[in-house]
Amino acid sequence: MTPTKHTQRNTKGLSFPIQPNKQLGLAMLIVEDEERNYEPVATVSTIGEAREIAAYNLEMRLQQTEQGEDVLCPFRYKVWAQGGGGTFQIVFAMDDSLRPCEVE
């Protein structure tokens, strides 16, 4: 497999490579702050959809912060998907600039 700019290499346990429009099955987009506190954002079906929702979510959180609301400050967005055997694992991550980053 030749990685594309959106492909994550850590696909252990998945039966398919991660591509931007590949259906993920059961998957969740999670936002994390620098201290690894986290909140679920949305269910997603593809990496492309996760990127769109993360962009909207980041914009909304920035607006809420400007209005003085206390919200979790995004450091990283992660996509968790169900792999072989039914376990969930991180299959894609984006930093706070919404650029792909290494899965931790």
Protein backbone atom coordinates (compact mmCIF):
# COMPACT_ATOMS: atom_id res chain seq x y z
CA MET A 1 0.00 0.00 0.00
CA THR A 2 1.34 3.42 -0.94
CA PRO A 3 0.20 5.93 1.71
CA THR A 4 -1.68 9.00 0.48
CA LYS A 5 -1.58 12.22 2.41
CA HIS A 6 -4.69 11.10 4.35
CA THR A 7 -3.70 7.48 4.93
CA GLN A 8 -2.64 6.40 8.39
CA ARG A 9 -0.17 3.55 8.63
CA ASN A 10 -1.43 2.24 11.96
CA THR A 11 -4.26 0.03 10.73
CA LYS A 12 -3.47 -3.00 12.86
CA GLY A 13 -6.57 -5.08 13.30
CA LEU A 14 -8.46 -3.48 10.43
CA SER A 15 -9.27 -5.45 7.33
CA PHE A 16 -8.85 -2.44 5.01
CA PRO A 17 -6.43 0.46 4.43
CA ILE A 18 -7.63 3.86 5.66
CA GLN A 19 -8.42 6.17 2.74
CA PRO A 20 -10.34 9.50 2.82
CA ASN A 21 -13.58 8.08 1.38
CA LYS A 22 -13.38 4.48 2.61
CA GLN A 23 -16.42 3.51 4.68
CA LEU A 24 -15.27 2.92 8.26
CA GLY A 25 -18.32 1.13 9.60
CA LEU A 26 -18.73 2.03 13.27
CA ALA A 27 -16.50 5.07 13.90
CA MET A 28 -16.38 8.04 16.28
CA LEU A 29 -14.67 11.42 16.06
CA ILE A 30 -13.18 12.43 19.41
CA VAL A 31 -11.58 15.76 20.38
CA GLU A 32 -8.70 15.81 22.89
CA ASP A 33 -6.97 18.66 24.71
CA GLU A 34 -3.26 18.77 25.58
CA GLU A 35 -3.89 16.99 28.90
CA ARG A 36 -5.70 14.16 27.07
CA ASN A 37 -9.14 15.12 28.38
CA TYR A 38 -11.58 14.19 25.65
CA GLU A 39 -15.13 14.60 24.40
CA PRO A 40 -16.99 12.70 21.70
CA VAL A 41 -17.85 14.94 18.74
CA ALA A 42 -19.82 12.79 16.27
CA THR A 43 -20.18 9.46 14.59
CA VAL A 44 -18.47 9.50 11.20
CA SER A 45 -18.46 7.17 8.24
CA THR A 46 -15.27 8.30 6.44
CA ILE A 47 -12.05 10.20 7.13
CA GLY A 48 -13.27 12.92 4.76
CA GLU A 49 -16.43 13.35 6.81
CA ALA A 50 -14.36 13.40 10.02
CA ARG A 51 -12.22 16.23 8.61
CA GLU A 52 -15.33 18.28 7.70
CA ILE A 53 -16.95 17.79 11.09
CA ALA A 54 -13.69 18.52 12.92
CA ALA A 55 -13.32 21.81 11.00
CA TYR A 56 -16.85 22.86 11.96
CA ASN A 57 -16.33 21.71 15.56
CA LEU A 58 -13.06 23.65 15.86
CA GLU A 59 -14.72 26.81 14.50
CA MET A 60 -17.62 26.47 16.96
CA ARG A 61 -15.27 25.93 19.92
CA LEU A 62 -13.23 29.00 18.96
CA GLN A 63 -16.42 31.08 18.79
CA GLN A 64 -17.57 29.77 22.16
CA THR A 65 -14.17 30.62 23.67
CA GLU A 66 -14.37 34.17 22.26
CA GLN A 67 -17.79 34.51 23.91
CA GLY A 68 -16.26 33.57 27.27
CA GLU A 69 -17.62 30.04 27.45
CA ASP A 70 -15.52 27.36 29.11
CA VAL A 71 -14.99 24.68 26.46
CA LEU A 72 -12.40 21.99 25.88
CA CYS A 73 -9.59 23.50 23.80
CA PRO A 74 -8.82 21.16 20.87
CA PHE A 75 -5.28 19.85 20.60
CA ARG A 76 -6.00 16.76 18.52
CA TYR A 77 -8.94 15.09 16.82
CA LYS A 78 -8.96 11.29 16.61
CA VAL A 79 -11.10 8.83 14.69
CA TRP A 80 -11.79 5.57 16.45
CA ALA A 81 -13.10 2.71 14.30
CA GLN A 82 -14.12 -0.84 14.99
CA GLY A 83 -11.53 -3.30 13.79
CA GLY A 84 -11.37 -7.05 13.53
CA GLY A 85 -12.68 -8.83 16.58
CA GLY A 86 -14.96 -5.91 17.46
CA THR A 87 -12.37 -3.80 19.29
CA PHE A 88 -12.08 -0.07 18.67
CA GLN A 89 -8.79 1.60 17.84
CA ILE A 90 -7.52 4.96 16.66
CA VAL A 91 -7.22 4.89 12.88
CA PHE A 92 -6.67 8.57 12.06
CA ALA A 93 -5.59 11.71 13.90
CA MET A 94 -5.46 15.43 13.11
CA ASP A 95 -3.71 18.20 14.99
CA ASP A 96 -5.37 21.50 15.95
CA SER A 97 -4.63 22.82 12.44
CA LEU A 98 -6.56 19.81 11.07
CA ARG A 99 -3.46 18.35 9.44
CA PRO A 100 -3.01 14.58 9.65
CA CYS A 101 -0.61 13.57 12.43
CA GLU A 102 0.74 10.34 13.85
CA VAL A 103 -1.68 8.13 15.74
CA GLU A 104 -0.63 7.85 19.36
